[in-house]
């Protein structure tokens, strides 16, 4: 066979709408008989800074249009519409630039493709990192990165660095970028399955997809943009394609394969997987049709003895933005500046929520919740204690040392969350729930000591939590994952640190809330909404 080079990912066009940031920092210089695009490194810093700012407070118009379609769909459940409406309201608050759309302002990720006729003269990663640093210092974003000092000792980096920066070489005289901020919840819903040729038939692949959709759950804030990648020259190539496909970077791939092994989108399987997601009835967090907005299925070449399959999502915080530097200047993808135009004139009709007074003694709150079935919508008013991963580990250390459970953990419901910075003049920064499942290992022990009797977070939980709630009379309440900005603006009245201040965003806090939305997910009788849904 004759040699043939095939571009592995032949993106056929770029229909992105860009805005021009500046004509500065770029010039074309002659080097022998060729022209070189010379970029002042300050241009890289500017582009990264602006990208991280825009993507933290704005979303793509296409994403917001998808939310509006949920509200307009007569087949959508009331809960689907309730979530979609809240997410659109959240976008309208975040675009004002004070409260980021999600409190988990994410790991900063940059993918660059640098033309071989582009010259910067520096380590590009350093200047891109400086731009990222600038935004996280100047804006109300959370520092989520922890760095290891030893195998087991860690500390917050205090800057949200390091970033993940991957730069590739390509032909041409321009530099293109994909910027992402990836929160922990959606990053944790990236899966790799090492399969074989036996998967590659209609029946087996459909059964596999149906089984694995349940792995997604709701912890990563659906509705999702789901990516499924089948094949890959390596496991890491597969997962890299998953991330880019979920960000819509590969939307303009061909829709059929060839003998050179080009990547392609399989539109037939995209429709099949979307239907499977709809029929799962998981819905937009609390049951319904809209687990996913849409699906991308990418088929890649593979080693004959290996068939990696990757699955991942871009969540309700769909924070992906493209950029480019050409001889004409520095450009950034135009995100939506007026999300309010997608909101309906009147909110979706919903049954009235049950109001719960959190300032009553814990036994009285538990007795009140016990009157209602799972899936009941609530409005919470009163005091919550905020604690997440590291705080739970600290409290376990207290119990292991023979000391009693802190009273605040027994007297109040526990909200699993960690806020972004508080804007000047506001009570709170963006403050949405984090993934409940990470705290599952603590629930039985904590409830046996009278703590964590009511828990508030996002996503489904393990049977161990259901069993503990049945044994000790506890409850798990689900909060909407995603609308962190509107929760801060409308539902959180005050925030005070009560323990472990050295932990930064992981410190234990006391917050006062009003009309805080939630649903009963797991009750004191051993019922679990998501388990019931699965059956």
Protein backbone atom coordinates (compact mmCIF):
# COMPACT_ATOMS: atom_id res chain seq x y z
CA UNK A 1 0.00 0.00 0.00
CA UNK A 2 1.30 3.46 -0.86
CA UNK A 3 1.98 5.98 1.91
CA UNK A 4 -0.98 8.19 2.73
CA UNK A 5 -1.16 10.79 5.44
CA UNK A 6 -4.57 11.39 6.97
CA UNK A 7 -5.35 14.32 9.22
CA UNK A 8 -6.74 12.41 12.24
CA UNK A 9 -9.38 15.05 13.02
CA UNK A 10 -10.27 16.82 9.77
CA UNK A 11 -12.48 19.64 11.06
CA UNK A 12 -14.10 20.86 7.87
CA UNK A 13 -15.00 24.42 8.84
CA UNK A 14 -15.15 26.84 11.74
CA UNK A 15 -18.54 28.55 11.94
CA UNK A 16 -17.73 30.19 15.30
CA UNK A 17 -18.66 33.85 15.65
CA UNK A 18 -15.65 35.74 17.02
CA UNK A 19 -15.20 39.20 18.48
CA UNK A 20 -11.98 41.11 17.98
CA UNK A 21 -10.12 41.99 21.16
CA UNK A 22 -7.29 43.98 19.61
CA UNK A 23 -4.99 44.42 16.63
CA UNK A 24 -2.06 44.96 18.99
CA UNK A 25 0.60 42.37 19.88
CA UNK A 26 0.80 40.86 16.38
CA UNK A 27 2.95 41.66 13.36
CA UNK A 28 4.16 39.91 10.25
CA UNK A 29 7.92 39.75 9.72
CA UNK A 30 9.97 38.48 6.81
CA UNK A 31 12.40 35.63 7.43
CA UNK A 32 14.17 34.76 4.22
CA UNK A 33 11.48 33.91 1.70
CA UNK A 34 8.72 33.25 4.24
CA UNK A 35 6.46 35.40 6.38
CA UNK A 36 6.34 34.80 10.14
CA UNK A 37 3.49 35.86 12.42
CA UNK A 38 5.25 37.27 15.48
CA UNK A 39 3.13 37.46 18.64
CA UNK A 40 4.12 39.59 21.62
CA UNK A 41 3.64 37.22 24.60
CA UNK A 42 1.49 39.89 26.24
CA UNK A 43 -1.09 38.98 23.61
CA UNK A 44 -1.24 35.43 24.95
CA UNK A 45 -1.72 36.80 28.46
CA UNK A 46 -4.52 39.11 27.27
CA UNK A 47 -6.34 36.35 25.39
CA UNK A 48 -6.23 33.92 28.31
CA UNK A 49 -7.35 36.59 30.77
CA UNK A 50 -10.32 37.63 28.64
CA UNK A 51 -11.27 34.03 27.84
CA UNK A 52 -11.35 33.01 31.50
CA UNK A 53 -13.41 36.08 32.39
CA UNK A 54 -15.99 35.64 29.64
CA UNK A 55 -16.44 31.91 30.14
CA UNK A 56 -16.96 32.31 33.89
CA UNK A 57 -19.88 34.70 33.50
CA UNK A 58 -21.38 34.00 30.07
CA UNK A 59 -22.57 30.97 28.10
CA UNK A 60 -22.99 30.11 24.45
CA UNK A 61 -26.27 31.21 22.84
CA UNK A 62 -26.82 27.66 21.56
CA UNK A 63 -26.67 26.31 25.12
CA UNK A 64 -29.26 28.83 26.30
CA UNK A 65 -31.48 28.04 23.32
CA UNK A 66 -31.40 24.39 24.43
CA UNK A 67 -32.67 25.39 27.87
CA UNK A 68 -35.50 27.39 26.33
CA UNK A 69 -36.51 24.36 24.24
CA UNK A 70 -36.99 22.37 27.47
CA UNK A 71 -39.40 24.98 28.82
CA UNK A 72 -41.30 25.03 25.51
CA UNK A 73 -41.48 21.23 25.17
CA UNK A 74 -44.95 19.91 26.16
CA UNK A 75 -43.35 16.51 26.90
CA UNK A 76 -41.00 17.98 29.50
CA UNK A 77 -41.89 17.31 33.14
CA UNK A 78 -42.58 20.14 35.57
CA UNK A 79 -39.22 19.35 37.22
CA UNK A 80 -37.42 19.55 33.84
CA UNK A 81 -38.95 22.97 33.26
CA UNK A 82 -38.20 24.10 36.81
CA UNK A 83 -34.51 23.26 36.41
CA UNK A 84 -34.26 24.82 32.95
CA UNK A 85 -35.97 28.00 34.11
CA UNK A 86 -33.66 28.29 37.12
CA UNK A 87 -30.61 27.83 34.90
CA UNK A 88 -31.78 30.58 32.54
CA UNK A 89 -32.40 32.88 35.50
CA UNK A 90 -28.92 32.03 36.74
CA UNK A 91 -27.40 32.97 33.39
CA UNK A 92 -29.19 36.32 33.53
CA UNK A 93 -27.63 37.01 36.96
CA UNK A 94 -24.15 35.78 36.06
CA UNK A 95 -23.84 37.90 32.92
CA UNK A 96 -23.84 41.01 35.12
CA UNK A 97 -20.23 40.08 35.94
CA UNK A 98 -20.29 39.92 39.74
CA UNK A 99 -21.40 36.34 40.45
CA UNK A 100 -19.96 33.54 38.27
CA UNK A 101 -22.45 31.08 36.83
CA UNK A 102 -21.10 28.25 39.03
CA UNK A 103 -19.34 28.44 42.39
CA UNK A 104 -16.86 25.79 41.21
CA UNK A 105 -15.03 28.06 38.82
CA UNK A 106 -13.06 25.06 37.72
CA UNK A 107 -9.67 23.87 36.59
CA UNK A 108 -8.42 26.17 33.84
CA UNK A 109 -7.66 24.14 30.71
CA UNK A 110 -6.12 25.47 27.50
CA UNK A 111 -5.68 23.55 24.26
CA UNK A 112 -3.66 25.41 21.65
CA UNK A 113 -2.72 24.60 18.05
CA UNK A 114 0.27 26.70 17.04
CA UNK A 115 1.10 27.18 13.39
CA UNK A 116 4.69 26.47 12.38
CA UNK A 117 4.94 30.03 11.01
CA UNK A 118 4.05 31.52 14.41
CA UNK A 119 6.79 32.85 16.69
CA UNK A 120 6.45 33.98 20.32
CA UNK A 121 9.99 33.48 21.64
CA UNK A 122 8.79 32.36 25.08
CA UNK A 123 7.30 29.45 26.98
CA UNK A 124 3.70 30.07 25.90
CA UNK A 125 2.37 28.20 28.92
CA UNK A 126 3.87 30.79 31.26
CA UNK A 127 2.07 33.71 29.62
CA UNK A 128 -1.21 31.83 29.25
CA UNK A 129 -0.94 30.95 32.96
CA UNK A 130 -0.34 34.61 33.82
CA UNK A 131 -3.54 35.58 32.01
CA UNK A 132 -5.47 32.89 33.88
CA UNK A 133 -3.91 34.07 37.16
CA UNK A 134 -4.97 37.65 36.45
CA UNK A 135 -8.62 36.74 36.03
CA UNK A 136 -8.78 34.56 39.14
CA UNK A 137 -7.13 37.33 41.17
CA UNK A 138 -9.33 40.14 39.87
CA UNK A 139 -12.74 38.48 39.64
CA UNK A 140 -15.00 36.75 42.16
CA UNK A 141 -13.79 33.26 41.30
CA UNK A 142 -12.95 30.38 43.59
CA UNK A 143 -9.50 28.87 44.06
CA UNK A 144 -10.15 25.14 43.71
CA UNK A 145 -6.68 23.76 43.05
CA UNK A 146 -4.84 21.95 45.83
CA UNK A 147 -1.16 21.13 45.49
CA UNK A 148 0.61 18.18 47.15
CA UNK A 149 3.42 18.92 49.61
CA UNK A 150 3.86 15.24 50.45
CA UNK A 151 1.95 12.16 49.38
CA UNK A 152 -0.83 12.95 51.86
CA UNK A 153 -0.40 16.62 52.81
CA UNK A 154 -1.97 19.22 50.53
CA UNK A 155 -2.76 22.92 50.52
CA UNK A 156 -4.78 25.25 48.34
CA UNK A 157 -2.56 26.95 45.77
CA UNK A 158 -4.25 30.31 46.45
CA UNK A 159 -4.33 31.24 42.76
CA UNK A 160 -6.26 28.41 41.03
CA UNK A 161 -3.02 27.50 39.30
CA UNK A 162 -1.62 25.27 37.98
CA UNK A 163 -3.64 25.16 34.78
CA UNK A 164 -3.64 22.33 32.28
CA UNK A 165 -2.05 23.66 29.10
CA UNK A 166 -1.53 21.49 26.02
CA UNK A 167 -0.02 23.02 22.88
CA UNK A 168 0.21 21.21 19.55
CA UNK A 169 2.05 22.08 16.35
CA UNK A 170 0.30 22.49 13.02
CA UNK A 171 0.96 24.12 9.68
CA UNK A 172 0.02 27.71 8.97
CA UNK A 173 0.55 31.19 10.34
CA UNK A 174 -2.16 31.35 12.98
CA UNK A 175 -2.71 30.15 16.53
CA UNK A 176 -6.05 28.66 17.62
CA UNK A 177 -7.29 27.86 21.11
CA UNK A 178 -9.97 26.10 23.10
CA UNK A 179 -10.34 27.36 26.67
CA UNK A 180 -12.34 25.45 29.29
CA UNK A 181 -13.00 25.78 32.98
CA UNK A 182 -13.89 22.31 34.17
CA UNK A 183 -15.58 21.88 37.54
CA UNK A 184 -14.95 18.82 39.65
CA UNK A 185 -18.48 17.48 39.30
CA UNK A 186 -18.43 17.19 35.51
CA UNK A 187 -14.75 16.17 35.41
CA UNK A 188 -15.59 13.25 37.71
CA UNK A 189 -18.16 12.03 35.20
CA UNK A 190 -15.50 11.15 32.64
CA UNK A 191 -15.29 7.40 32.19
CA UNK A 192 -12.94 5.08 30.30
CA UNK A 193 -14.00 1.53 29.50
CA UNK A 194 -11.50 -0.88 27.97
CA UNK A 195 -13.61 -3.03 25.66
CA UNK A 196 -13.03 -5.36 22.70
CA UNK A 197 -14.31 -6.04 19.18
CA UNK A 198 -17.26 -7.86 20.77
CA UNK A 199 -18.81 -4.47 21.57
CA UNK A 200 -18.95 -3.42 17.94
CA UNK A 201 -22.37 -4.64 16.93
CA UNK A 202 -25.78 -3.05 17.20
CA UNK A 203 -27.13 -5.16 20.06
CA UNK A 204 -24.03 -5.09 22.27
CA UNK A 205 -23.39 -1.37 21.85
CA UNK A 206 -26.99 -0.47 22.65
CA UNK A 207 -26.95 -2.63 25.78
CA UNK A 208 -23.63 -1.11 26.84
CA UNK A 209 -24.90 2.45 26.42
CA UNK A 210 -28.09 1.75 28.38
CA UNK A 211 -26.07 0.32 31.25
CA UNK A 212 -23.49 3.09 31.32
CA UNK A 213 -25.90 6.00 31.13
CA UNK A 214 -26.82 5.13 34.71
CA UNK A 215 -23.19 5.81 35.68
CA UNK A 216 -23.73 9.46 34.85
CA UNK A 217 -26.41 10.10 37.43
CA UNK A 218 -27.20 13.74 38.22
CA UNK A 219 -24.15 14.73 40.27
CA UNK A 220 -22.60 16.74 37.43
CA UNK A 221 -25.59 19.09 36.94
CA UNK A 222 -27.63 17.97 33.95
CA UNK A 223 -28.93 18.57 31.35
CA UNK A 224 -25.64 17.44 29.82
CA UNK A 225 -23.91 17.79 26.49
CA UNK A 226 -22.83 14.14 26.33
CA UNK A 227 -19.85 12.82 24.37
CA UNK A 228 -19.31 9.14 23.59
CA UNK A 229 -16.05 8.22 21.82
CA UNK A 230 -15.48 4.72 20.50
CA UNK A 231 -11.95 3.71 19.56
CA UNK A 232 -8.69 5.59 19.76
CA UNK A 233 -5.03 4.87 19.18
CA UNK A 234 -4.58 5.01 22.97
CA UNK A 235 -6.64 5.50 26.09
CA UNK A 236 -5.42 9.07 26.43
CA UNK A 237 -6.31 9.84 22.80
CA UNK A 238 -9.81 8.58 23.46
CA UNK A 239 -10.32 10.72 26.57
CA UNK A 240 -8.85 13.82 24.91
CA UNK A 241 -11.43 13.38 22.16
CA UNK A 242 -14.18 13.01 24.78
CA UNK A 243 -13.31 16.36 26.34
CA UNK A 244 -13.16 18.20 23.02
CA UNK A 245 -16.32 16.57 21.69
CA UNK A 246 -18.28 17.54 24.81
CA UNK A 247 -17.14 21.13 24.21
CA UNK A 248 -18.50 20.94 20.61
CA UNK A 249 -14.98 21.32 19.24
CA UNK A 250 -15.51 18.39 16.87
CA UNK A 251 -18.97 19.32 15.62
CA UNK A 252 -17.70 19.85 12.08
CA UNK A 253 -15.93 16.54 11.64
CA UNK A 254 -16.96 14.38 8.65
CA UNK A 255 -19.95 12.09 9.19
CA UNK A 256 -18.37 8.99 7.67
CA UNK A 257 -15.08 7.14 7.94
CA UNK A 258 -12.43 6.38 5.33
CA UNK A 259 -9.49 4.04 4.82
CA UNK A 260 -7.10 6.63 6.24
CA UNK A 261 -8.74 6.35 9.64
CA UNK A 262 -10.25 9.81 9.93
CA UNK A 263 -12.38 10.57 12.99
CA UNK A 264 -16.04 11.02 12.21
CA UNK A 265 -19.37 11.76 13.87
CA UNK A 266 -21.96 9.00 13.72
CA UNK A 267 -25.24 10.90 13.48
CA UNK A 268 -27.37 7.75 13.61
CA UNK A 269 -25.88 6.70 16.91
CA UNK A 270 -26.12 10.22 18.28
CA UNK A 271 -29.89 10.01 17.80
CA UNK A 272 -30.01 6.52 19.35
CA UNK A 273 -28.04 7.51 22.43
CA UNK A 274 -30.12 10.67 22.86
CA UNK A 275 -33.27 8.52 22.83
CA UNK A 276 -31.75 6.16 25.43
CA UNK A 277 -30.99 9.16 27.65
CA UNK A 278 -34.53 10.46 27.31
CA UNK A 279 -36.04 7.06 28.08
CA UNK A 280 -33.89 6.71 31.21
CA UNK A 281 -36.38 9.15 32.84
CA UNK A 282 -33.57 10.60 34.99
CA UNK A 283 -34.30 13.98 33.46
CA UNK A 284 -32.83 17.36 34.33
CA UNK A 285 -31.86 16.28 37.87
CA UNK A 286 -35.26 15.29 39.32
CA UNK A 287 -36.93 13.05 36.78
CA UNK A 288 -38.07 13.62 33.22
CA UNK A 289 -36.87 13.59 29.64
CA UNK A 290 -33.88 15.90 29.67
CA UNK A 291 -30.84 14.15 31.11
CA UNK A 292 -29.06 15.44 27.99
CA UNK A 293 -29.44 18.41 25.70
CA UNK A 294 -27.69 16.52 22.94
CA UNK A 295 -25.17 13.77 22.24
CA UNK A 296 -21.99 13.60 20.19
CA UNK A 297 -20.76 10.16 19.13
CA UNK A 298 -17.23 10.09 17.66
CA UNK A 299 -15.71 6.99 16.04
CA UNK A 300 -11.91 6.65 16.00
CA UNK A 301 -9.43 4.06 14.67
CA UNK A 302 -8.10 1.52 17.18
CA UNK A 303 -5.52 -1.21 17.73
CA UNK A 304 -7.03 -4.57 16.74
CA UNK A 305 -6.62 -5.88 20.31
CA UNK A 306 -8.07 -2.83 22.03
CA UNK A 307 -11.28 -0.82 21.92
CA UNK A 308 -11.26 2.08 24.38
CA UNK A 309 -14.64 3.68 24.94
CA UNK A 310 -14.85 7.06 26.62
CA UNK A 311 -17.83 8.97 27.96
CA UNK A 312 -17.97 12.45 29.42
CA UNK A 313 -20.12 15.54 29.72
CA UNK A 314 -20.18 19.28 29.60
CA UNK A 315 -22.61 20.23 32.33
CA UNK A 316 -25.03 23.09 32.96
CA UNK A 317 -21.96 25.27 33.45
CA UNK A 318 -21.09 24.75 29.78
CA UNK A 319 -17.89 26.78 30.02
CA UNK A 320 -16.10 26.37 26.70
CA UNK A 321 -14.80 29.20 24.54
CA UNK A 322 -12.60 29.35 21.46
CA UNK A 323 -9.96 31.91 20.60
CA UNK A 324 -7.50 32.62 17.82
CA UNK A 325 -4.59 34.86 16.94
CA UNK A 326 -4.06 35.72 13.29
CA UNK A 327 -2.25 38.42 11.34
CA UNK A 328 -5.45 40.48 11.73
CA UNK A 329 -5.36 40.46 15.52
CA UNK A 330 -6.55 38.60 18.62
CA UNK A 331 -10.07 37.14 18.62
CA UNK A 332 -12.35 35.46 21.15
CA UNK A 333 -15.60 33.55 20.65
CA UNK A 334 -18.65 35.74 21.17
CA UNK A 335 -20.75 34.41 24.03
CA UNK A 336 -24.31 35.47 24.82
CA UNK A 337 -24.57 38.91 26.40
CA UNK A 338 -28.37 38.96 26.83
CA UNK A 339 -29.57 35.66 28.37
CA UNK A 340 -32.83 37.31 29.46
CA UNK A 341 -34.11 37.06 25.89
CA UNK A 342 -34.44 33.30 26.37
CA UNK A 343 -36.61 33.57 29.49
CA UNK A 344 -40.36 33.05 28.99
CA UNK A 345 -42.72 35.90 29.85
CA UNK A 346 -44.17 33.88 32.73
CA UNK A 347 -42.45 31.19 34.83
CA UNK A 348 -43.46 27.56 34.27
CA UNK A 349 -46.43 26.52 36.41
CA UNK A 350 -45.43 24.39 39.40
CA UNK A 351 -47.23 23.01 42.42
CA UNK A 352 -46.62 25.08 45.55
CA UNK A 353 -43.51 24.05 47.49
CA UNK A 354 -43.65 22.96 51.15
CA UNK A 355 -42.00 25.50 53.48
CA UNK A 356 -39.58 24.10 56.07
CA UNK A 357 -38.40 26.14 59.08
CA UNK A 358 -34.80 25.11 59.70
CA UNK A 359 -34.58 27.07 62.94
CA UNK A 360 -36.75 24.59 64.83
CA UNK A 361 -35.05 21.88 66.92
CA UNK A 362 -33.71 19.05 64.79
CA UNK A 363 -36.29 16.45 65.99
CA UNK A 364 -39.11 18.79 64.92
CA UNK A 365 -37.60 19.38 61.47
CA UNK A 366 -37.20 15.63 60.98
CA UNK A 367 -40.80 15.02 62.03
CA UNK A 368 -42.03 17.64 59.56
CA UNK A 369 -40.04 16.18 56.66
CA UNK A 370 -41.33 12.71 57.54
CA UNK A 371 -44.86 13.79 56.53
CA UNK A 372 -43.93 14.08 52.84
CA UNK A 373 -42.92 11.58 50.14
CA UNK A 374 -39.71 11.63 48.14
CA UNK A 375 -39.72 14.08 45.23
CA UNK A 376 -41.60 16.69 47.30
CA UNK A 377 -40.43 20.20 46.45
CA UNK A 378 -39.39 22.33 49.43
CA UNK A 379 -38.56 25.91 50.36
CA UNK A 380 -35.97 26.02 53.14
CA UNK A 381 -35.75 28.95 55.57
CA UNK A 382 -33.26 29.31 58.40
CA UNK A 383 -29.77 28.07 59.26
CA UNK A 384 -27.60 25.65 57.31
CA UNK A 385 -24.09 24.48 58.16
CA UNK A 386 -21.80 24.32 55.12
CA UNK A 387 -19.15 21.60 55.05
CA UNK A 388 -17.52 19.56 52.28
CA UNK A 389 -14.66 17.08 51.74
CA UNK A 390 -11.85 18.34 53.95
CA UNK A 391 -14.18 19.49 56.73
CA UNK A 392 -15.80 16.04 56.82
CA UNK A 393 -12.35 14.45 57.07
CA UNK A 394 -11.48 16.80 59.95
CA UNK A 395 -14.66 15.93 61.83
CA UNK A 396 -13.95 12.22 61.37
CA UNK A 397 -10.54 12.83 62.93
CA UNK A 398 -12.32 14.43 65.90
CA UNK A 399 -14.56 11.36 66.33
CA UNK A 400 -11.63 8.97 65.88
CA UNK A 401 -9.80 10.75 68.70
CA UNK A 402 -12.72 10.06 71.05
CA UNK A 403 -14.10 13.62 71.11
CA UNK A 404 -17.83 14.31 70.59
CA UNK A 405 -19.47 15.37 67.34
CA UNK A 406 -19.51 19.20 67.09
CA UNK A 407 -22.90 20.55 68.17
CA UNK A 408 -23.34 22.53 64.95
CA UNK A 409 -23.28 19.25 63.00
CA UNK A 410 -26.10 17.89 65.17
CA UNK A 411 -28.29 20.99 65.43
CA UNK A 412 -28.49 22.04 61.78
CA UNK A 413 -28.79 20.52 58.29
CA UNK A 414 -25.48 20.15 56.46
CA UNK A 415 -25.08 21.79 53.05
CA UNK A 416 -22.28 20.33 50.94
CA UNK A 417 -20.83 23.37 49.19
CA UNK A 418 -17.88 25.75 48.90
CA UNK A 419 -18.41 29.37 47.83
CA UNK A 420 -16.71 31.57 45.30
CA UNK A 421 -15.40 34.95 46.46
CA UNK A 422 -18.00 37.36 47.84
CA UNK A 423 -18.53 40.45 45.64
CA UNK A 424 -18.37 43.78 47.41
CA UNK A 425 -21.71 44.72 48.94
CA UNK A 426 -23.19 41.22 48.71
CA UNK A 427 -23.84 38.65 51.40
CA UNK A 428 -22.33 35.77 49.46
CA UNK A 429 -20.42 34.74 46.39
CA UNK A 430 -21.82 32.11 44.02
CA UNK A 431 -22.73 29.23 46.29
CA UNK A 432 -24.30 26.19 44.65
CA UNK A 433 -24.17 22.61 45.94
CA UNK A 434 -21.31 20.20 45.39
CA UNK A 435 -21.55 16.48 44.60
CA UNK A 436 -23.10 14.58 47.49
CA UNK A 437 -21.54 11.21 46.69
CA UNK A 438 -18.07 12.23 47.86
CA UNK A 439 -19.38 12.44 51.43
CA UNK A 440 -21.21 9.08 51.37
CA UNK A 441 -18.47 7.28 53.34
CA UNK A 442 -19.10 9.51 56.37
CA UNK A 443 -22.89 9.35 56.61
CA UNK A 444 -23.49 6.19 58.65
CA UNK A 445 -20.86 7.04 61.26
CA UNK A 446 -21.87 10.70 61.51
CA UNK A 447 -25.59 9.88 61.84
CA UNK A 448 -24.77 7.31 64.55
CA UNK A 449 -23.34 10.26 66.53
CA UNK A 450 -26.40 12.43 65.83
CA UNK A 451 -24.85 14.49 63.03
CA UNK A 452 -25.67 14.89 59.33
CA UNK A 453 -29.31 14.04 60.02
CA UNK A 454 -30.38 16.30 57.15
CA UNK A 455 -28.02 16.69 54.21
CA UNK A 456 -28.40 19.05 51.26
CA UNK A 457 -26.37 18.70 48.04
CA UNK A 458 -26.68 17.63 44.40
CA UNK A 459 -26.77 14.27 42.68
CA UNK A 460 -27.64 10.69 43.48
CA UNK A 461 -26.13 8.72 46.39
CA UNK A 462 -25.20 5.16 47.27
CA UNK A 463 -27.39 2.57 48.97
CA UNK A 464 -25.27 3.02 52.13
CA UNK A 465 -26.75 6.51 52.53
CA UNK A 466 -30.30 5.25 52.00
CA UNK A 467 -29.70 2.52 54.58
CA UNK A 468 -28.24 4.97 57.09
CA UNK A 469 -31.20 7.36 56.72
CA UNK A 470 -33.59 4.43 57.23
CA UNK A 471 -31.65 3.27 60.29
CA UNK A 472 -31.19 6.64 62.02
CA UNK A 473 -34.16 8.63 60.68
CA UNK A 474 -32.23 10.98 58.41
CA UNK A 475 -32.95 12.75 55.12
CA UNK A 476 -31.03 13.70 52.01
CA UNK A 477 -32.41 16.73 50.19
CA UNK A 478 -31.41 17.48 46.62
CA UNK A 479 -30.62 21.00 45.49
CA UNK A 480 -30.49 22.09 41.86
CA UNK A 481 -26.94 21.78 40.57
CA UNK A 482 -25.93 24.74 38.44
CA UNK A 483 -27.71 27.96 39.47
CA UNK A 484 -25.07 29.12 41.97
CA UNK A 485 -25.29 32.81 41.08
CA UNK A 486 -29.03 33.15 41.61
CA UNK A 487 -28.83 31.22 44.90
CA UNK A 488 -26.27 33.76 46.13
CA UNK A 489 -28.31 36.72 44.95
CA UNK A 490 -31.79 35.65 46.06
CA UNK A 491 -31.59 32.85 48.65
CA UNK A 492 -28.51 33.32 50.86
CA UNK A 493 -28.90 36.07 53.45
CA UNK A 494 -25.63 35.80 55.40
CA UNK A 495 -22.44 33.75 55.61
CA UNK A 496 -20.16 33.30 58.65
CA UNK A 497 -17.18 30.98 59.23
CA UNK A 498 -17.64 28.78 62.33
CA UNK A 499 -14.72 26.32 62.15
CA UNK A 500 -11.47 25.51 60.34
CA UNK A 501 -10.92 29.00 58.83
CA UNK A 502 -7.50 27.87 57.56
CA UNK A 503 -9.25 25.67 54.99
CA UNK A 504 -10.31 28.62 52.82
CA UNK A 505 -13.28 27.68 50.66
CA UNK A 506 -13.42 24.33 52.53
CA UNK A 507 -13.97 26.00 55.94
CA UNK A 508 -17.14 25.20 57.89
CA UNK A 509 -19.64 28.02 57.50
CA UNK A 510 -23.04 28.94 58.87
CA UNK A 511 -25.42 30.45 56.35
CA UNK A 512 -28.92 31.86 56.66
CA UNK A 513 -31.19 31.08 53.72
CA UNK A 514 -34.65 32.13 52.57
CA UNK A 515 -36.88 30.16 50.19
CA UNK A 516 -33.94 27.95 49.29
CA UNK A 517 -35.22 25.39 46.73
CA UNK A 518 -34.77 21.67 47.41
CA UNK A 519 -36.41 18.26 46.89
CA UNK A 520 -36.72 15.26 49.21
CA UNK A 521 -34.49 12.61 47.60
CA UNK A 522 -33.89 10.09 50.42
CA UNK A 523 -36.21 9.81 53.41
CA UNK A 524 -36.27 8.26 56.88
CA UNK A 525 -38.19 5.21 55.65
CA UNK A 526 -35.49 3.94 53.29
CA UNK A 527 -36.98 5.42 50.13
CA UNK A 528 -34.66 6.92 47.52
CA UNK A 529 -35.98 8.84 44.52
CA UNK A 530 -33.18 7.81 42.15
CA UNK A 531 -33.31 4.15 43.19
CA UNK A 532 -37.07 4.13 42.65
CA UNK A 533 -36.52 5.72 39.24
CA UNK A 534 -34.08 2.99 38.25
CA UNK A 535 -36.73 0.37 38.94
